[in-house]
Amino acid sequence: MNIYQKLQHCRVELQEMNLRKSGENKFVKYSYFELADFLPAINKLFLEYKLFSQVSFDGELATLTIINIEKPEEQAVFTSPMAEAQLKGCHEIQNLGAVETYQRRYLYMTALEIVEHDALDATTGEGANGKGQGKKPPAKPVESKKPPAKPAENKKELDKGKVQRLAILRKQKGISEEKHKAFLANAGVETSKHLTEAQYKKYAEWLEKQPDAVREEAAV
């Protein structure tokens, strides 16, 4: 079997295991998978199907590389933009460890198609009856003597050619809409046209470094 066949077998067998979610968000009351809930099962499946996985980090990306042990030249690569964690009462190295743990969890969940509750839905819940009732009214904003300054990215829209270039690069590299939105959210904007020149340059440079979409598209 090639690496894509092996990975698909692992995905199917993993979902049939009905793994238990041990993580719990008590604030919004939903459960989620922790890394320890599925990684032992994944390692066992990878051993059975002769796959090897390796996670690496740099300043911009977390990368999961899955290698076919029988044909090491066959590899499936999954990436995620790096982010920061600011945990209360933790040292800088502890925050780094938290980021790396989260990134490993999300990378394996992406590679193995592990599905769990949507945390965004949980934090924007529809209320007790599912129709928006029971939600608390939004708090009134505190009045300020000075009007809030408009975000810098809204003062001038990015050139249409640059927006199109980002779209072409995203398609060429197989960057999902979810990852694209995550980058925009991290930049504090809603659409590509609101990126600053510096943000556009950083995004474009990152996209150009990514491998072409052939491998990941074949793995899906």
C-alpha atoms as a PDB file:
ATOM      1  CA  MET A   1       0.000   0.000   0.000  1.00  0.00           C
ATOM      2  CA  ASN A   2       1.132   3.545  -0.618  1.00  0.00           C
ATOM      3  CA  ILE A   3       1.136   6.115   2.168  1.00  0.00           C
ATOM      4  CA  TYR A   4      -2.308   7.455   1.308  1.00  0.00           C
ATOM      5  CA  GLN A   5      -3.935   4.034   1.456  1.00  0.00           C
ATOM      6  CA  LYS A   6      -2.254   3.361   4.797  1.00  0.00           C
ATOM      7  CA  LEU A   7      -3.313   6.706   6.230  1.00  0.00           C
ATOM      8  CA  GLN A   8      -6.910   6.181   5.122  1.00  0.00           C
ATOM      9  CA  HIS A   9      -6.980   2.737   6.787  1.00  0.00           C
ATOM     10  CA  CYS A  10      -5.728   4.354   9.998  1.00  0.00           C
ATOM     11  CA  ARG A  11      -8.433   7.039   9.817  1.00  0.00           C
ATOM     12  CA  VAL A  12     -11.227   4.505   9.416  1.00  0.00           C
ATOM     13  CA  GLU A  13      -9.982   2.158  12.125  1.00  0.00           C
ATOM     14  CA  LEU A  14      -9.427   5.047  14.535  1.00  0.00           C
ATOM     15  CA  GLN A  15     -12.982   6.362  14.122  1.00  0.00           C
ATOM     16  CA  GLU A  16     -14.347   2.879  14.787  1.00  0.00           C
ATOM     17  CA  MET A  17     -12.628   2.810  18.179  1.00  0.00           C
ATOM     18  CA  ASN A  18     -15.110   5.304  19.704  1.00  0.00           C
ATOM     19  CA  LEU A  19     -12.394   6.986  21.728  1.00  0.00           C
ATOM     20  CA  ARG A  20     -13.392   8.712  24.962  1.00  0.00           C
ATOM     21  CA  LYS A  21     -12.959  12.472  25.414  1.00  0.00           C
ATOM     22  CA  SER A  22     -11.294  13.233  28.740  1.00  0.00           C
ATOM     23  CA  GLY A  23     -10.959  16.989  28.332  1.00  0.00           C
ATOM     24  CA  GLU A  24     -13.739  19.173  29.734  1.00  0.00           C
ATOM     25  CA  ASN A  25     -14.422  22.876  29.383  1.00  0.00           C
ATOM     26  CA  LYS A  26     -16.463  23.616  32.477  1.00  0.00           C
ATOM     27  CA  PHE A  27     -17.157  27.225  31.486  1.00  0.00           C
ATOM     28  CA  VAL A  28     -19.131  26.434  28.321  1.00  0.00           C
ATOM     29  CA  LYS A  29     -19.778  22.794  29.268  1.00  0.00           C
ATOM     30  CA  TYR A  30     -18.423  20.687  26.427  1.00  0.00           C
ATOM     31  CA  SER A  31     -15.950  17.811  26.200  1.00  0.00           C
ATOM     32  CA  TYR A  32     -12.951  17.588  23.888  1.00  0.00           C
ATOM     33  CA  PHE A  33     -10.133  15.218  22.983  1.00  0.00           C
ATOM     34  CA  GLU A  34      -6.840  15.602  24.770  1.00  0.00           C
ATOM     35  CA  LEU A  35      -3.655  14.420  23.069  1.00  0.00           C
ATOM     36  CA  ALA A  36      -3.428  11.391  25.355  1.00  0.00           C
ATOM     37  CA  ASP A  37      -6.944  10.281  24.334  1.00  0.00           C
ATOM     38  CA  PHE A  38      -5.946   9.355  20.792  1.00  0.00           C
ATOM     39  CA  LEU A  39      -2.147   9.431  20.389  1.00  0.00           C
ATOM     40  CA  PRO A  40      -1.538   5.923  21.872  1.00  0.00           C
ATOM     41  CA  ALA A  41      -4.128   4.482  19.457  1.00  0.00           C
ATOM     42  CA  ILE A  42      -2.549   6.360  16.534  1.00  0.00           C
ATOM     43  CA  ASN A  43       0.936   5.093  17.435  1.00  0.00           C
ATOM     44  CA  LYS A  44      -0.387   1.526  17.524  1.00  0.00           C
ATOM     45  CA  LEU A  45      -2.053   1.914  14.118  1.00  0.00           C
ATOM     46  CA  PHE A  46       1.040   3.536  12.630  1.00  0.00           C
ATOM     47  CA  LEU A  47       3.171   0.634  13.892  1.00  0.00           C
ATOM     48  CA  GLU A  48       0.748  -1.841  12.342  1.00  0.00           C
ATOM     49  CA  TYR A  49       0.691  -0.060   8.974  1.00  0.00           C
ATOM     50  CA  LYS A  50       4.393   0.836   9.086  1.00  0.00           C
ATOM     51  CA  LEU A  51       4.045   4.605   9.241  1.00  0.00           C
ATOM     52  CA  PHE A  52       6.300   7.034  11.108  1.00  0.00           C
ATOM     53  CA  SER A  53       5.244  10.513  12.284  1.00  0.00           C
ATOM     54  CA  GLN A  54       7.347  13.473  13.302  1.00  0.00           C
ATOM     55  CA  VAL A  55       6.290  16.902  14.606  1.00  0.00           C
ATOM     56  CA  SER A  56       8.534  19.951  14.253  1.00  0.00           C
ATOM     57  CA  PHE A  57       8.206  23.648  15.047  1.00  0.00           C
ATOM     58  CA  ASP A  58       9.719  26.909  13.837  1.00  0.00           C
ATOM     59  CA  GLY A  59       8.834  30.552  14.354  1.00  0.00           C
ATOM     60  CA  GLU A  60       5.908  30.450  11.914  1.00  0.00           C
ATOM     61  CA  LEU A  61       4.734  26.854  11.482  1.00  0.00           C
ATOM     62  CA  ALA A  62       4.059  23.629  13.311  1.00  0.00           C
ATOM     63  CA  THR A  63       4.544  20.687  10.940  1.00  0.00           C
ATOM     64  CA  LEU A  64       3.476  17.034  11.116  1.00  0.00           C
ATOM     65  CA  THR A  65       5.264  14.773   8.640  1.00  0.00           C
ATOM     66  CA  ILE A  66       3.962  11.210   8.149  1.00  0.00           C
ATOM     67  CA  ILE A  67       6.396   8.858   6.390  1.00  0.00           C
ATOM     68  CA  ASN A  68       5.823   5.475   4.778  1.00  0.00           C
ATOM     69  CA  ILE A  69       8.502   3.335   6.477  1.00  0.00           C
ATOM     70  CA  GLU A  70       8.481   0.894   3.549  1.00  0.00           C
ATOM     71  CA  LYS A  71       8.964   3.743   1.062  1.00  0.00           C
ATOM     72  CA  PRO A  72      10.501   6.716   2.972  1.00  0.00           C
ATOM     73  CA  GLU A  73      10.210   8.942  -0.091  1.00  0.00           C
ATOM     74  CA  GLU A  74       6.402   8.831   0.353  1.00  0.00           C
ATOM     75  CA  GLN A  75       5.422  11.527   2.829  1.00  0.00           C
ATOM     76  CA  ALA A  76       2.266  13.396   3.813  1.00  0.00           C
ATOM     77  CA  VAL A  77       2.845  16.816   5.346  1.00  0.00           C
ATOM     78  CA  PHE A  78       0.380  18.809   7.469  1.00  0.00           C
ATOM     79  CA  THR A  79       1.044  22.335   8.768  1.00  0.00           C
ATOM     80  CA  SER A  80      -0.516  24.874  11.120  1.00  0.00           C
ATOM     81  CA  PRO A  81       0.439  28.533  11.756  1.00  0.00           C
ATOM     82  CA  MET A  82       2.112  29.064  15.131  1.00  0.00           C
ATOM     83  CA  ALA A  83       0.351  31.113  17.817  1.00  0.00           C
ATOM     84  CA  GLU A  84       1.078  32.257  21.363  1.00  0.00           C
ATOM     85  CA  ALA A  85      -0.380  31.170  24.702  1.00  0.00           C
ATOM     86  CA  GLN A  86      -0.679  33.417  27.747  1.00  0.00           C
ATOM     87  CA  LEU A  87      -1.568  31.111  30.630  1.00  0.00           C
ATOM     88  CA  LYS A  88      -1.978  32.742  34.018  1.00  0.00           C
ATOM     89  CA  GLY A  89       0.777  32.002  36.496  1.00  0.00           C
ATOM     90  CA  CYS A  90       2.967  30.227  33.928  1.00  0.00           C
ATOM     91  CA  HIS A  91       6.535  30.928  32.892  1.00  0.00           C
ATOM     92  CA  GLU A  92       7.447  31.606  29.258  1.00  0.00           C
ATOM     93  CA  ILE A  93       8.754  28.068  28.762  1.00  0.00           C
ATOM     94  CA  GLN A  94       5.491  26.659  30.176  1.00  0.00           C
ATOM     95  CA  ASN A  95       3.493  28.760  27.715  1.00  0.00           C
ATOM     96  CA  LEU A  96       5.706  27.430  24.922  1.00  0.00           C
ATOM     97  CA  GLY A  97       5.050  23.876  26.067  1.00  0.00           C
ATOM     98  CA  ALA A  98       1.309  24.554  26.057  1.00  0.00           C
ATOM     99  CA  VAL A  99       1.482  25.898  22.487  1.00  0.00           C
ATOM    100  CA  GLU A 100       3.433  22.875  21.262  1.00  0.00           C
ATOM    101  CA  THR A 101       1.023  20.464  22.956  1.00  0.00           C
ATOM    102  CA  TYR A 102      -1.985  22.201  21.383  1.00  0.00           C
ATOM    103  CA  GLN A 103      -0.307  22.233  17.977  1.00  0.00           C
ATOM    104  CA  ARG A 104       0.498  18.513  18.158  1.00  0.00           C
ATOM    105  CA  ARG A 105      -3.133  17.807  19.084  1.00  0.00           C
ATOM    106  CA  TYR A 106      -4.543  19.837  16.202  1.00  0.00           C
ATOM    107  CA  LEU A 107      -2.059  18.445  13.664  1.00  0.00           C
ATOM    108  CA  TYR A 108      -2.900  14.829  14.495  1.00  0.00           C
ATOM    109  CA  MET A 109      -6.615  15.654  14.515  1.00  0.00           C
ATOM    110  CA  THR A 110      -6.253  17.112  11.022  1.00  0.00           C
ATOM    111  CA  ALA A 111      -4.160  14.240   9.686  1.00  0.00           C
ATOM    112  CA  LEU A 112      -6.429  11.522  11.108  1.00  0.00           C
ATOM    113  CA  GLU A 113      -9.713  13.409  10.472  1.00  0.00           C
ATOM    114  CA  ILE A 114     -10.615  13.354  14.172  1.00  0.00           C
ATOM    115  CA  VAL A 115     -13.894  15.204  14.723  1.00  0.00           C
ATOM    116  CA  GLU A 116     -15.015  16.804  17.958  1.00  0.00           C
ATOM    117  CA  HIS A 117     -17.425  19.452  19.226  1.00  0.00           C
ATOM    118  CA  ASP A 118     -17.046  22.863  17.623  1.00  0.00           C
ATOM    119  CA  ALA A 119     -15.651  25.118  20.344  1.00  0.00           C
ATOM    120  CA  LEU A 120     -16.881  28.211  18.495  1.00  0.00           C
ATOM    121  CA  ASP A 121     -20.458  26.950  18.554  1.00  0.00           C
ATOM    122  CA  ALA A 122     -20.096  26.239  22.256  1.00  0.00           C
ATOM    123  CA  THR A 123     -19.042  29.788  23.057  1.00  0.00           C
ATOM    124  CA  THR A 124     -21.760  31.354  20.901  1.00  0.00           C
ATOM    125  CA  GLY A 125     -24.512  28.954  21.986  1.00  0.00           C
ATOM    126  CA  GLU A 126     -28.094  29.182  20.853  1.00  0.00           C
ATOM    127  CA  GLY A 127     -29.531  29.129  24.363  1.00  0.00           C
ATOM    128  CA  ALA A 128     -31.543  26.539  26.265  1.00  0.00           C
ATOM    129  CA  ASN A 129     -34.155  25.911  23.574  1.00  0.00           C
ATOM    130  CA  GLY A 130     -31.832  26.175  20.572  1.00  0.00           C
ATOM    131  CA  LYS A 131     -33.520  29.378  19.311  1.00  0.00           C
ATOM    132  CA  GLY A 132     -31.405  31.962  21.039  1.00  0.00           C
ATOM    133  CA  GLN A 133     -33.543  32.261  24.154  1.00  0.00           C
ATOM    134  CA  GLY A 134     -31.902  32.136  27.516  1.00  0.00           C
ATOM    135  CA  LYS A 135     -28.827  34.085  26.415  1.00  0.00           C
ATOM    136  CA  LYS A 136     -27.707  37.018  28.513  1.00  0.00           C
ATOM    137  CA  PRO A 137     -28.079  40.429  26.866  1.00  0.00           C
ATOM    138  CA  PRO A 138     -24.787  41.963  25.770  1.00  0.00           C
ATOM    139  CA  ALA A 139     -23.162  44.296  28.256  1.00  0.00           C
ATOM    140  CA  LYS A 140     -23.409  47.984  27.485  1.00  0.00           C
ATOM    141  CA  PRO A 141     -20.122  49.450  26.290  1.00  0.00           C
ATOM    142  CA  VAL A 142     -18.344  51.828  28.619  1.00  0.00           C
ATOM    143  CA  GLU A 143     -18.552  55.370  27.293  1.00  0.00           C
ATOM    144  CA  SER A 144     -15.294  56.978  26.366  1.00  0.00           C
ATOM    145  CA  LYS A 145     -14.475  60.634  25.924  1.00  0.00           C
ATOM    146  CA  LYS A 146     -12.519  59.871  22.780  1.00  0.00           C
ATOM    147  CA  PRO A 147     -13.984  57.789  19.941  1.00  0.00           C
ATOM    148  CA  PRO A 148     -12.057  54.555  19.362  1.00  0.00           C
ATOM    149  CA  ALA A 149      -9.510  54.720  16.603  1.00  0.00           C
ATOM    150  CA  LYS A 150     -10.314  52.737  13.482  1.00  0.00           C
ATOM    151  CA  PRO A 151      -8.080  49.731  12.789  1.00  0.00           C
ATOM    152  CA  ALA A 152      -5.173  50.615  10.548  1.00  0.00           C
ATOM    153  CA  GLU A 153      -6.059  47.875   8.079  1.00  0.00           C
ATOM    154  CA  ASN A 154      -9.435  49.488   7.329  1.00  0.00           C
ATOM    155  CA  LYS A 155      -7.962  52.819   6.248  1.00  0.00           C
ATOM    156  CA  LYS A 156      -6.679  51.456   2.969  1.00  0.00           C
ATOM    157  CA  GLU A 157      -7.668  48.248   1.221  1.00  0.00           C
ATOM    158  CA  LEU A 158      -5.017  45.914  -0.159  1.00  0.00           C
ATOM    159  CA  ASP A 159      -4.436  46.087  -3.908  1.00  0.00           C
ATOM    160  CA  LYS A 160      -6.759  43.701  -5.807  1.00  0.00           C
ATOM    161  CA  GLY A 161      -3.793  42.119  -7.567  1.00  0.00           C
ATOM    162  CA  LYS A 162      -2.244  41.169  -4.249  1.00  0.00           C
ATOM    163  CA  VAL A 163      -5.540  39.753  -2.995  1.00  0.00           C
ATOM    164  CA  GLN A 164      -5.774  37.631  -6.156  1.00  0.00           C
ATOM    165  CA  ARG A 165      -2.172  36.507  -5.713  1.00  0.00           C
ATOM    166  CA  LEU A 166      -2.946  35.241  -2.193  1.00  0.00           C
ATOM    167  CA  ALA A 167      -5.971  33.357  -3.515  1.00  0.00           C
ATOM    168  CA  ILE A 168      -3.881  31.728  -6.275  1.00  0.00           C
ATOM    169  CA  LEU A 169      -1.148  30.736  -3.819  1.00  0.00           C
ATOM    170  CA  ARG A 170      -3.709  29.301  -1.391  1.00  0.00           C
ATOM    171  CA  LYS A 171      -5.201  27.141  -4.138  1.00  0.00           C
ATOM    172  CA  GLN A 172      -1.794  26.056  -5.401  1.00  0.00           C
ATOM    173  CA  LYS A 173      -0.630  25.069  -1.916  1.00  0.00           C
ATOM    174  CA  GLY A 174      -3.903  23.471  -0.852  1.00  0.00           C
ATOM    175  CA  ILE A 175      -4.432  25.791   2.135  1.00  0.00           C
ATOM    176  CA  SER A 176      -7.863  25.120   3.618  1.00  0.00           C
ATOM    177  CA  GLU A 177     -10.438  27.819   4.276  1.00  0.00           C
ATOM    178  CA  GLU A 178     -10.139  27.027   7.993  1.00  0.00           C
ATOM    179  CA  LYS A 179      -6.392  27.737   8.055  1.00  0.00           C
ATOM    180  CA  HIS A 180      -6.908  30.869   5.939  1.00  0.00           C
ATOM    181  CA  LYS A 181      -9.508  32.213   8.377  1.00  0.00           C
ATOM    182  CA  ALA A 182      -7.242  31.358  11.309  1.00  0.00           C
ATOM    183  CA  PHE A 183      -4.461  33.458   9.766  1.00  0.00           C
ATOM    184  CA  LEU A 184      -6.829  36.366   9.153  1.00  0.00           C
ATOM    185  CA  ALA A 185      -8.164  36.149  12.709  1.00  0.00           C
ATOM    186  CA  ASN A 186      -4.615  36.194  14.059  1.00  0.00           C
ATOM    187  CA  ALA A 187      -3.958  39.297  11.948  1.00  0.00           C
ATOM    188  CA  GLY A 188      -7.121  40.941  13.319  1.00  0.00           C
ATOM    189  CA  VAL A 189      -8.977  41.213  10.002  1.00  0.00           C
ATOM    190  CA  GLU A 190     -11.945  39.496   8.358  1.00  0.00           C
ATOM    191  CA  THR A 191     -10.881  39.405   4.707  1.00  0.00           C
ATOM    192  CA  SER A 192      -7.621  39.402   2.741  1.00  0.00           C
ATOM    193  CA  LYS A 193      -8.266  42.886   1.364  1.00  0.00           C
ATOM    194  CA  HIS A 194      -7.982  44.334   4.880  1.00  0.00           C
ATOM    195  CA  LEU A 195      -4.460  43.010   5.458  1.00  0.00           C
ATOM    196  CA  THR A 196      -1.706  45.571   5.860  1.00  0.00           C
ATOM    197  CA  GLU A 197       1.212  45.511   3.452  1.00  0.00           C
ATOM    198  CA  ALA A 198       3.401  43.933   6.135  1.00  0.00           C
ATOM    199  CA  GLN A 199       0.798  41.251   6.888  1.00  0.00           C
ATOM    200  CA  TYR A 200       0.330  40.550   3.184  1.00  0.00           C
ATOM    201  CA  LYS A 201       4.072  40.162   2.685  1.00  0.00           C
ATOM    202  CA  LYS A 202       4.374  37.776   5.647  1.00  0.00           C
ATOM    203  CA  TYR A 203       1.398  35.685   4.472  1.00  0.00           C
ATOM    204  CA  ALA A 204       2.628  35.512   0.875  1.00  0.00           C
ATOM    205  CA  GLU A 205       6.140  34.503   1.957  1.00  0.00           C
ATOM    206  CA  TRP A 206       4.710  31.760   4.177  1.00  0.00           C
ATOM    207  CA  LEU A 207       2.482  30.452   1.374  1.00  0.00           C
ATOM    208  CA  GLU A 208       5.389  30.325  -1.085  1.00  0.00           C
ATOM    209  CA  LYS A 209       7.345  28.119   1.331  1.00  0.00           C
ATOM    210  CA  GLN A 210       4.580  25.498   1.488  1.00  0.00           C
ATOM    211  CA  PRO A 211       4.726  22.344  -0.639  1.00  0.00           C
ATOM    212  CA  ASP A 212       2.335  22.100  -3.552  1.00  0.00           C
ATOM    213  CA  ALA A 213      -1.093  20.659  -2.778  1.00  0.00           C
ATOM    214  CA  VAL A 214      -0.598  17.345  -4.645  1.00  0.00           C
ATOM    215  CA  ARG A 215       0.301  15.303  -1.560  1.00  0.00           C
ATOM    216  CA  GLU A 216      -2.346  16.505   0.862  1.00  0.00           C
ATOM    217  CA  GLU A 217      -5.098  16.487  -1.716  1.00  0.00           C
ATOM    218  CA  ALA A 218      -4.297  12.889  -2.526  1.00  0.00           C
ATOM    219  CA  ALA A 219      -4.395  12.011   1.174  1.00  0.00           C
ATOM    220  CA  VAL A 220      -7.907  13.382   1.734  1.00  0.00           C
END
